[in-house]
Structure formats: structure tokens, C-alpha cells
Amino acid sequence: DIVSTIPWQVPEVRHYRVLDDEDEEVGTLDMSIEEQGPGNVRLTQYFDFPEAGFINEAVVIADAQTLEPLNASFDIEGPDGNLACEASYTGTEVVVDRRGEDGERTDDLDVPAFAYDSWSDLFLWRTIAFSPGYDERYTDILACTLDRTQKIGVGLEVVDEEEVTVPAGTFETWKLEIDSGGSNQRAWLE
């Protein structure tokens, strides 16, 4: 379990502008956290890229304290068609039903203890014990994605504190290195 502290008050809503390399807005991302019945939260990401004709909503229902997933859904509308996905986590298994332009299919996958749905990662990373040298691994379940259902190992390393300046202002952040299935990313979290 990598969850250290739940840093938010429910409900929480954040709105982001997505910029291209020339600082032109190409879309938006709305992220929200809401109570979903006793002891659970609804983690939502809603992407809207009007010029590309692309809308995507991803939702994870998770335990409010551990963020272990109970259900996930993914709906995408785009120029190449629509895709809907529902994932149900039960004990040590996830069952995923997909419906899209190319038909329907059901996948299932064994889920180890302390695994998280990939659509909850941006929320999950906010809960870790931020300190220089923090280095931890967890299992990510890619249930509702464009590819087949799979699990990957994710490594998180807190590199250091760093001041970051963006169009919204200057912020003191933690720089996080993320290794997810061989793909490396960086994130700065306040």
C-alpha cells in the first residue's frame, strides 16, 4: 500500500487547460473527487479536445482510504469512433467489458493485493509520503484502455523539491520520476 495521507477534502474539482508546444490551448481536463456512498470516492477525469473532435471520461470508484478500485469506466468519443468500457473489481480479479466500433469483448485478469486502476494514478500520486529519496513500486491495472487489459509495475521516486513556473504562477513542488512498464515520465506535484 503506497497511500500515506489523503490530502483532499471531498468534493474537490480542478480545471486544467491543455496547451501545445506553442502555449496555445488545445483542450481541457477536469478532475474531480466526490463521495460515492459510504467509504468510497468517485475519481473522475474528463478530457475535451474540441478541434480534434475528442472527448473522454474516465471514472474510478475506489475505497476512500486505500484507493483500491471497486469499479472503473471509460467512455471515449472521437473521430475514429466511440468506445465504452466497464471494469468490475472483485477480490483478486477484474472483469472488463468493452463495446466499440469493432465489436464487444470481455477480458479478465488476476489482481494482486495493493493494486490500483491506472485511471486513478494522478490522484494516487498525491497521497504518497513526499520526501527526497522516496522510492516505491506498485501494480497498476490497465483495465479500461485502448489496449488489452494488463498489469504493469510502476516505480515512483521523489527526486527533490523544485520551484516550477507555469502560466498559472510559480509553485513549490515535488519532482516525481515515474517508471511505468518501461515508459519514463516526470510529474511535479504541489
Protein backbone atom coordinates (compact mmCIF):
# COMPACT_ATOMS: atom_id res chain seq x y z
CA ASP A 1 0.00 0.00 0.00
CA ILE A 2 1.61 3.27 -1.08
CA VAL A 3 -1.14 5.57 0.20
CA SER A 4 0.28 7.64 3.05
CA THR A 5 -2.16 10.56 3.52
CA ILE A 6 -5.39 11.50 1.78
CA PRO A 7 -4.70 15.21 1.03
CA TRP A 8 -8.09 16.32 -0.25
CA GLN A 9 -11.45 17.40 1.11
CA VAL A 10 -14.42 15.91 -0.73
CA PRO A 11 -15.75 17.27 -3.02
CA GLU A 12 -12.78 18.64 -4.96
CA VAL A 13 -12.81 19.90 -8.56
CA ARG A 14 -9.83 21.11 -10.60
CA HIS A 15 -9.91 22.57 -14.10
CA TYR A 16 -6.82 22.49 -16.36
CA ARG A 17 -6.10 23.98 -19.74
CA VAL A 18 -4.07 21.69 -22.01
CA LEU A 19 -1.51 23.63 -24.06
CA ASP A 20 0.51 22.63 -27.10
CA ASP A 21 4.24 23.35 -27.62
CA GLU A 22 3.42 26.95 -28.56
CA ASP A 23 1.32 27.57 -25.42
CA GLU A 24 -1.93 27.51 -27.41
CA GLU A 25 -4.88 25.86 -25.69
CA VAL A 26 -5.86 22.62 -27.44
CA GLY A 27 -8.18 21.21 -24.82
CA THR A 28 -9.21 20.97 -21.20
CA LEU A 29 -9.04 18.44 -18.38
CA ASP A 30 -11.45 18.48 -15.44
CA MET A 31 -10.53 16.31 -12.46
CA SER A 32 -12.93 15.74 -9.60
CA ILE A 33 -13.20 13.78 -6.37
CA GLU A 34 -16.66 13.10 -4.95
CA GLU A 35 -18.11 10.92 -2.24
CA GLN A 36 -19.63 7.76 -3.72
CA GLY A 37 -21.62 6.12 -0.97
CA PRO A 38 -20.23 5.32 2.48
CA GLY A 39 -16.46 4.84 2.49
CA ASN A 40 -15.90 5.26 -1.26
CA VAL A 41 -14.84 8.03 -3.65
CA ARG A 42 -15.51 8.74 -7.31
CA LEU A 43 -12.34 9.87 -9.13
CA THR A 44 -13.20 11.45 -12.49
CA GLN A 45 -11.08 12.74 -15.38
CA TYR A 46 -12.91 14.47 -18.22
CA PHE A 47 -10.88 15.42 -21.31
CA ASP A 48 -12.25 17.67 -24.07
CA PHE A 49 -10.24 18.44 -27.21
CA PRO A 50 -12.76 20.29 -29.45
CA GLU A 51 -10.60 20.83 -32.53
CA ALA A 52 -9.58 17.17 -32.58
CA GLY A 53 -13.19 16.08 -32.02
CA PHE A 54 -12.18 14.06 -28.97
CA ILE A 55 -13.99 13.67 -25.62
CA ASN A 56 -13.00 11.14 -22.95
CA GLU A 57 -14.37 10.48 -19.48
CA ALA A 58 -12.66 8.05 -17.11
CA VAL A 59 -14.14 7.24 -13.70
CA VAL A 60 -12.81 5.06 -10.88
CA ILE A 61 -14.86 4.18 -7.82
CA ALA A 62 -12.38 3.38 -5.06
CA ASP A 63 -12.09 2.86 -1.33
CA ALA A 64 -11.79 6.37 0.17
CA GLN A 65 -8.82 5.47 2.41
CA THR A 66 -6.79 2.95 0.36
CA LEU A 67 -7.83 3.97 -3.21
CA GLU A 68 -8.09 0.28 -4.09
CA PRO A 69 -10.51 0.13 -7.05
CA LEU A 70 -14.04 -1.24 -6.97
CA ASN A 71 -15.18 -0.21 -10.45
CA ALA A 72 -13.85 1.76 -13.41
CA SER A 73 -15.41 3.09 -16.57
CA PHE A 74 -14.07 4.72 -19.71
CA ASP A 75 -16.07 6.42 -22.44
CA ILE A 76 -14.42 7.96 -25.47
CA GLU A 77 -15.98 9.75 -28.42
CA GLY A 78 -13.64 10.60 -31.25
CA PRO A 79 -13.18 10.91 -34.96
CA ASP A 80 -12.22 7.21 -35.17
CA GLY A 81 -15.39 6.06 -33.36
CA ASN A 82 -16.65 5.52 -29.86
CA LEU A 83 -15.53 3.10 -27.14
CA ALA A 84 -17.20 2.26 -23.82
CA CYS A 85 -15.64 0.13 -21.11
CA GLU A 86 -16.76 -1.07 -17.67
CA ALA A 87 -14.43 -2.81 -15.21
CA SER A 88 -15.58 -4.59 -12.03
CA TYR A 89 -13.02 -5.44 -9.36
CA THR A 90 -14.00 -8.37 -7.13
CA GLY A 91 -11.49 -9.71 -4.64
CA THR A 92 -8.46 -10.73 -6.64
CA GLU A 93 -9.90 -10.35 -10.15
CA VAL A 94 -11.07 -7.66 -12.55
CA VAL A 95 -13.63 -8.35 -15.29
CA VAL A 96 -13.67 -5.85 -18.14
CA ASP A 97 -16.45 -5.42 -20.71
CA ARG A 98 -15.74 -3.31 -23.83
CA ARG A 99 -18.08 -2.10 -26.56
CA GLY A 100 -16.78 -0.26 -29.59
CA GLU A 101 -16.91 0.15 -33.33
CA ASP A 102 -15.02 -3.14 -33.72
CA GLY A 103 -17.45 -5.16 -31.56
CA GLU A 104 -17.62 -6.34 -27.97
CA ARG A 105 -15.32 -8.38 -25.78
CA THR A 106 -14.79 -9.38 -22.16
CA ASP A 107 -11.38 -9.70 -20.52
CA ASP A 108 -10.46 -10.84 -17.03
CA LEU A 109 -7.23 -10.57 -15.08
CA ASP A 110 -5.88 -11.62 -11.69
CA VAL A 111 -5.29 -8.60 -9.44
CA PRO A 112 -2.66 -8.72 -6.68
CA ALA A 113 -3.15 -7.03 -3.30
CA PHE A 114 -2.48 -3.27 -3.28
CA ALA A 115 -3.08 -2.81 -6.99
CA TYR A 116 -4.59 0.38 -8.38
CA ASP A 117 -6.55 1.20 -11.52
CA SER A 118 -4.44 3.21 -13.98
CA TRP A 119 -7.14 5.91 -14.22
CA SER A 120 -6.57 6.69 -10.53
CA ASP A 121 -2.80 7.28 -10.86
CA LEU A 122 -2.94 11.09 -10.97
CA PHE A 123 -4.95 11.03 -7.73
CA LEU A 124 -2.85 8.24 -6.16
CA TRP A 125 0.44 10.08 -6.65
CA ARG A 126 -0.85 12.93 -4.49
CA THR A 127 -1.14 10.55 -1.50
CA ILE A 128 2.46 9.29 -1.25
CA ALA A 129 4.87 10.26 1.55
CA PHE A 130 6.73 13.08 -0.19
CA SER A 131 10.36 13.30 0.89
CA PRO A 132 13.64 13.28 -1.06
CA GLY A 133 14.67 9.72 -1.86
CA TYR A 134 11.18 8.23 -1.57
CA ASP A 135 11.25 5.17 -3.86
CA GLU A 136 8.35 2.73 -4.09
CA ARG A 137 6.72 0.30 -6.54
CA TYR A 138 3.12 -0.75 -7.06
CA THR A 139 0.99 -2.70 -9.53
CA ASP A 140 -1.11 -0.72 -12.00
CA ILE A 141 -4.11 -2.38 -13.66
CA LEU A 142 -4.75 -1.10 -17.18
CA ALA A 143 -8.37 -2.21 -17.30
CA CYS A 144 -10.17 0.34 -19.45
CA THR A 145 -7.68 1.46 -22.06
CA LEU A 146 -7.42 1.16 -25.83
CA ASP A 147 -5.22 -1.95 -25.43
CA ARG A 148 -5.97 -5.30 -23.81
CA THR A 149 -6.37 -5.49 -20.05
CA GLN A 150 -2.99 -5.91 -18.40
CA LYS A 151 -0.99 -5.20 -15.26
CA ILE A 152 2.29 -3.36 -15.13
CA GLY A 153 4.77 -2.43 -12.43
CA VAL A 154 5.08 1.27 -11.65
CA GLY A 155 8.03 2.78 -9.83
CA LEU A 156 7.79 6.17 -8.13
CA GLU A 157 10.81 8.15 -7.00
CA VAL A 158 10.70 11.56 -5.38
CA VAL A 159 13.77 13.30 -6.78
CA ASP A 160 13.65 16.61 -4.90
CA GLU A 161 11.71 19.76 -4.23
CA GLU A 162 11.63 22.14 -7.19
CA GLU A 163 10.16 25.56 -7.91
CA VAL A 164 8.10 25.48 -11.11
CA THR A 165 6.76 28.46 -13.07
CA VAL A 166 3.77 27.91 -15.37
CA PRO A 167 1.16 30.29 -16.84
CA ALA A 168 -0.86 29.99 -13.59
CA GLY A 169 2.09 31.16 -11.44
CA THR A 170 5.10 29.88 -9.51
CA PHE A 171 4.73 26.87 -7.22
CA GLU A 172 6.88 24.88 -4.79
CA THR A 173 6.56 21.27 -5.98
CA TRP A 174 7.91 17.79 -5.52
CA LYS A 175 9.55 16.38 -8.67
CA LEU A 176 8.43 12.80 -9.21
CA GLU A 177 10.07 10.31 -11.61
CA ILE A 178 7.66 7.62 -12.81
CA ASP A 179 8.70 4.36 -14.47
CA SER A 180 5.59 2.62 -15.78
CA GLY A 181 6.19 -0.56 -17.71
CA GLY A 182 9.42 0.77 -19.24
CA SER A 183 7.99 4.20 -20.08
CA ASN A 184 9.55 7.05 -18.11
CA GLN A 185 7.69 10.21 -17.16
CA ARG A 186 8.12 13.17 -14.83
CA ALA A 187 5.48 14.94 -12.78
CA TRP A 188 5.60 17.93 -10.48
CA LEU A 189 3.12 17.81 -7.59
CA GLU A 190 2.29 20.59 -5.19
